[in-house]
Amino acid sequence: MYATISGMREYNRLVRVKTSITLPAGLLSRLDRVDKNRSALLERAALAYLAQLERQARDRRDVEIIERNAERLNREAMDTLGYQQLP
């Protein structure tokens, strides 16, 4: 069964859907200077951008969690520092 699930994931990753977008001519020229395969370049750019958005969302959630618990975390840190003595 795992091979079937793995195979479906691989198939889904490889499936491409043709689409059409309208971009400014100047942007297309810049894209072509980077890579003649526009589809591959735009796919890589979209994946990188989505990964960046996901990291930012995760970081915002982490900051919210830390801020919600900051007072308690600071108390614990100060308590720990109180146990540490310099020779």
N, C-alpha and C. Protein backbone atom coordinates (compact mmCIF):
# COMPACT_ATOMS: atom_id res chain seq x y z
N MET A 1 0.81 -1.19 0.00
CA MET A 1 0.00 0.00 0.00
C MET A 1 0.85 1.26 0.00
N TYR A 2 1.95 1.25 0.79
CA TYR A 2 2.82 2.41 0.84
C TYR A 2 3.37 2.76 -0.53
N ALA A 3 3.71 1.75 -1.31
CA ALA A 3 4.23 2.00 -2.66
C ALA A 3 3.19 2.71 -3.51
N THR A 4 1.93 2.36 -3.33
CA THR A 4 0.85 3.01 -4.08
C THR A 4 0.72 4.47 -3.68
N ILE A 5 0.74 4.74 -2.38
CA ILE A 5 0.65 6.12 -1.90
C ILE A 5 1.87 6.92 -2.37
N SER A 6 3.04 6.33 -2.26
CA SER A 6 4.26 6.98 -2.71
C SER A 6 4.20 7.24 -4.21
N GLY A 7 3.71 6.27 -4.95
CA GLY A 7 3.59 6.44 -6.41
C GLY A 7 2.63 7.54 -6.77
N MET A 8 1.52 7.65 -6.03
CA MET A 8 0.55 8.73 -6.29
C MET A 8 1.15 10.09 -5.99
N ARG A 9 1.92 10.17 -4.91
CA ARG A 9 2.58 11.44 -4.59
C ARG A 9 3.53 11.84 -5.71
N GLU A 10 4.30 10.87 -6.18
CA GLU A 10 5.25 11.16 -7.27
C GLU A 10 4.50 11.58 -8.52
N TYR A 11 3.40 10.90 -8.84
CA TYR A 11 2.60 11.24 -10.01
C TYR A 11 2.05 12.66 -9.88
N ASN A 12 1.49 12.98 -8.71
CA ASN A 12 0.93 14.31 -8.49
C ASN A 12 2.00 15.39 -8.59
N ARG A 13 3.21 15.07 -8.13
CA ARG A 13 4.31 16.04 -8.20
C ARG A 13 4.72 16.29 -9.65
N LEU A 14 4.61 15.27 -10.47
CA LEU A 14 5.06 15.38 -11.86
C LEU A 14 3.99 15.92 -12.80
N VAL A 15 2.73 15.84 -12.43
CA VAL A 15 1.65 16.29 -13.30
C VAL A 15 1.74 17.80 -13.48
N ARG A 16 1.65 18.23 -14.72
CA ARG A 16 1.69 19.65 -15.04
C ARG A 16 0.37 20.03 -15.70
N VAL A 17 -0.11 21.21 -15.38
CA VAL A 17 -1.34 21.73 -15.96
C VAL A 17 -0.98 22.97 -16.75
N LYS A 18 -1.36 22.99 -18.00
CA LYS A 18 -1.06 24.13 -18.85
C LYS A 18 -1.94 25.30 -18.44
N THR A 19 -1.32 26.46 -18.34
CA THR A 19 -2.04 27.66 -17.96
C THR A 19 -1.51 28.84 -18.77
N SER A 20 -2.23 29.91 -18.73
CA SER A 20 -1.82 31.10 -19.47
C SER A 20 -1.88 32.29 -18.53
N ILE A 21 -0.81 33.08 -18.52
CA ILE A 21 -0.79 34.29 -17.72
C ILE A 21 -0.31 35.44 -18.58
N THR A 22 -0.66 36.63 -18.18
CA THR A 22 -0.23 37.83 -18.90
C THR A 22 0.76 38.58 -18.03
N LEU A 23 1.95 38.82 -18.59
CA LEU A 23 3.01 39.51 -17.87
C LEU A 23 3.53 40.66 -18.72
N PRO A 24 4.08 41.69 -18.10
CA PRO A 24 4.68 42.78 -18.86
C PRO A 24 5.86 42.28 -19.70
N ALA A 25 6.04 42.87 -20.87
CA ALA A 25 7.12 42.47 -21.79
C ALA A 25 8.49 42.59 -21.12
N GLY A 26 8.68 43.64 -20.35
CA GLY A 26 9.97 43.82 -19.68
C GLY A 26 10.28 42.71 -18.70
N LEU A 27 9.26 42.25 -18.00
CA LEU A 27 9.46 41.15 -17.06
C LEU A 27 9.80 39.87 -17.81
N LEU A 28 9.14 39.62 -18.92
CA LEU A 28 9.45 38.43 -19.72
C LEU A 28 10.89 38.47 -20.22
N SER A 29 11.34 39.64 -20.64
CA SER A 29 12.73 39.78 -21.10
C SER A 29 13.70 39.45 -19.97
N ARG A 30 13.39 39.95 -18.78
CA ARG A 30 14.27 39.66 -17.64
C ARG A 30 14.26 38.17 -17.31
N LEU A 31 13.08 37.56 -17.36
CA LEU A 31 12.99 36.12 -17.10
C LEU A 31 13.81 35.33 -18.12
N ASP A 32 13.70 35.71 -19.38
CA ASP A 32 14.42 35.01 -20.45
C ASP A 32 15.93 35.12 -20.29
N ARG A 33 16.40 36.22 -19.71
CA ARG A 33 17.85 36.37 -19.50
C ARG A 33 18.34 35.42 -18.42
N VAL A 34 17.44 35.06 -17.50
CA VAL A 34 17.81 34.16 -16.41
C VAL A 34 17.73 32.70 -16.86
N ASP A 35 16.65 32.37 -17.57
CA ASP A 35 16.44 30.98 -17.98
C ASP A 35 15.49 30.98 -19.16
N LYS A 36 15.87 30.31 -20.22
CA LYS A 36 15.01 30.24 -21.41
C LYS A 36 13.76 29.40 -21.18
N ASN A 37 13.80 28.54 -20.18
CA ASN A 37 12.63 27.72 -19.84
C ASN A 37 11.79 28.50 -18.83
N ARG A 38 10.88 29.31 -19.34
CA ARG A 38 10.06 30.17 -18.48
C ARG A 38 9.25 29.36 -17.47
N SER A 39 8.67 28.26 -17.93
CA SER A 39 7.84 27.46 -17.03
C SER A 39 8.63 26.98 -15.83
N ALA A 40 9.82 26.45 -16.08
CA ALA A 40 10.64 25.95 -14.98
C ALA A 40 11.05 27.09 -14.05
N LEU A 41 11.42 28.22 -14.63
CA LEU A 41 11.82 29.37 -13.81
C LEU A 41 10.66 29.87 -12.96
N LEU A 42 9.49 30.01 -13.56
CA LEU A 42 8.33 30.49 -12.81
C LEU A 42 7.89 29.48 -11.75
N GLU A 43 8.03 28.20 -12.04
CA GLU A 43 7.71 27.18 -11.04
C GLU A 43 8.64 27.30 -9.85
N ARG A 44 9.95 27.40 -10.11
CA ARG A 44 10.92 27.54 -9.02
C ARG A 44 10.64 28.81 -8.22
N ALA A 45 10.36 29.92 -8.92
CA ALA A 45 10.09 31.18 -8.24
C ALA A 45 8.84 31.08 -7.38
N ALA A 46 7.79 30.46 -7.89
CA ALA A 46 6.55 30.31 -7.13
C ALA A 46 6.78 29.44 -5.90
N LEU A 47 7.51 28.34 -6.06
CA LEU A 47 7.79 27.47 -4.92
C LEU A 47 8.61 28.19 -3.86
N ALA A 48 9.60 28.96 -4.29
CA ALA A 48 10.43 29.72 -3.34
C ALA A 48 9.60 30.78 -2.63
N TYR A 49 8.73 31.45 -3.35
CA TYR A 49 7.89 32.49 -2.76
C TYR A 49 6.91 31.87 -1.76
N LEU A 50 6.29 30.76 -2.12
CA LEU A 50 5.36 30.10 -1.21
C LEU A 50 6.08 29.61 0.05
N ALA A 51 7.29 29.08 -0.10
CA ALA A 51 8.07 28.64 1.05
C ALA A 51 8.38 29.83 1.95
N GLN A 52 8.70 30.97 1.36
CA GLN A 52 8.97 32.18 2.13
C GLN A 52 7.72 32.61 2.91
N LEU A 53 6.57 32.60 2.26
CA LEU A 53 5.32 32.96 2.94
C LEU A 53 5.03 32.01 4.09
N GLU A 54 5.27 30.72 3.88
CA GLU A 54 5.04 29.73 4.93
C GLU A 54 5.99 29.95 6.11
N ARG A 55 7.27 30.27 5.82
CA ARG A 55 8.23 30.56 6.89
C ARG A 55 7.80 31.79 7.68
N GLN A 56 7.37 32.83 6.97
CA GLN A 56 6.93 34.06 7.65
C GLN A 56 5.72 33.79 8.54
N ALA A 57 4.77 33.00 8.06
CA ALA A 57 3.59 32.66 8.85
C ALA A 57 4.00 31.86 10.09
N ARG A 58 4.91 30.90 9.91
CA ARG A 58 5.39 30.10 11.05
C ARG A 58 6.11 30.99 12.05
N ASP A 59 6.95 31.91 11.55
CA ASP A 59 7.67 32.81 12.44
C ASP A 59 6.71 33.71 13.22
N ARG A 60 5.66 34.21 12.55
CA ARG A 60 4.66 35.04 13.24
C ARG A 60 3.97 34.25 14.35
N ARG A 61 3.62 32.98 14.04
CA ARG A 61 2.99 32.13 15.07
C ARG A 61 3.94 31.92 16.25
N ASP A 62 5.22 31.67 15.94
CA ASP A 62 6.21 31.46 17.00
C ASP A 62 6.34 32.70 17.88
N VAL A 63 6.40 33.88 17.27
CA VAL A 63 6.52 35.13 18.03
C VAL A 63 5.29 35.33 18.90
N GLU A 64 4.10 35.03 18.37
CA GLU A 64 2.87 35.16 19.16
C GLU A 64 2.91 34.24 20.38
N ILE A 65 3.38 33.03 20.20
CA ILE A 65 3.48 32.07 21.31
C ILE A 65 4.47 32.58 22.35
N ILE A 66 5.62 33.05 21.89
CA ILE A 66 6.64 33.57 22.81
C ILE A 66 6.10 34.78 23.56
N GLU A 67 5.44 35.68 22.85
CA GLU A 67 4.91 36.88 23.51
C GLU A 67 3.83 36.52 24.53
N ARG A 68 2.99 35.54 24.22
CA ARG A 68 1.95 35.11 25.17
C ARG A 68 2.56 34.54 26.45
N ASN A 69 3.75 33.95 26.30
CA ASN A 69 4.39 33.28 27.43
C ASN A 69 5.61 34.02 27.95
N ALA A 70 5.84 35.24 27.48
CA ALA A 70 7.07 35.97 27.80
C ALA A 70 7.26 36.18 29.30
N GLU A 71 6.21 36.58 29.99
CA GLU A 71 6.35 36.86 31.43
C GLU A 71 6.79 35.61 32.18
N ARG A 72 6.14 34.50 31.90
CA ARG A 72 6.51 33.24 32.57
C ARG A 72 7.92 32.81 32.19
N LEU A 73 8.26 32.90 30.91
CA LEU A 73 9.60 32.51 30.45
C LEU A 73 10.68 33.38 31.08
N ASN A 74 10.40 34.68 31.20
CA ASN A 74 11.38 35.58 31.83
C ASN A 74 11.55 35.25 33.31
N ARG A 75 10.45 34.93 34.00
CA ARG A 75 10.56 34.53 35.41
C ARG A 75 11.41 33.28 35.55
N GLU A 76 11.16 32.30 34.68
CA GLU A 76 11.94 31.06 34.75
C GLU A 76 13.41 31.33 34.47
N ALA A 77 13.70 32.19 33.52
CA ALA A 77 15.10 32.51 33.19
C ALA A 77 15.77 33.20 34.37
N MET A 78 15.07 34.14 35.01
CA MET A 78 15.65 34.83 36.15
C MET A 78 15.86 33.87 37.31
N ASP A 79 14.92 32.95 37.50
CA ASP A 79 15.06 31.95 38.55
C ASP A 79 16.29 31.08 38.30
N THR A 80 16.47 30.66 37.06
CA THR A 80 17.65 29.85 36.71
C THR A 80 18.93 30.62 36.92
N LEU A 81 18.94 31.88 36.53
CA LEU A 81 20.14 32.70 36.74
C LEU A 81 20.46 32.85 38.22
N GLY A 82 19.42 32.85 39.06
CA GLY A 82 19.63 32.96 40.50
C GLY A 82 20.38 31.77 41.07
N TYR A 83 20.25 30.62 40.43
CA TYR A 83 20.95 29.42 40.90
C TYR A 83 22.40 29.36 40.44
N GLN A 84 22.71 30.15 39.45
CA GLN A 84 24.08 30.12 38.92
C GLN A 84 24.94 31.12 39.69
N GLN A 85 26.05 30.63 40.21
CA GLN A 85 26.97 31.48 40.96
C GLN A 85 28.30 31.52 40.24
N LEU A 86 28.83 32.71 40.11
CA LEU A 86 30.17 32.83 39.53
C LEU A 86 31.19 32.56 40.62
N PRO A 87 32.28 31.84 40.29
CA PRO A 87 33.29 31.50 41.31
C PRO A 87 34.06 32.73 41.77
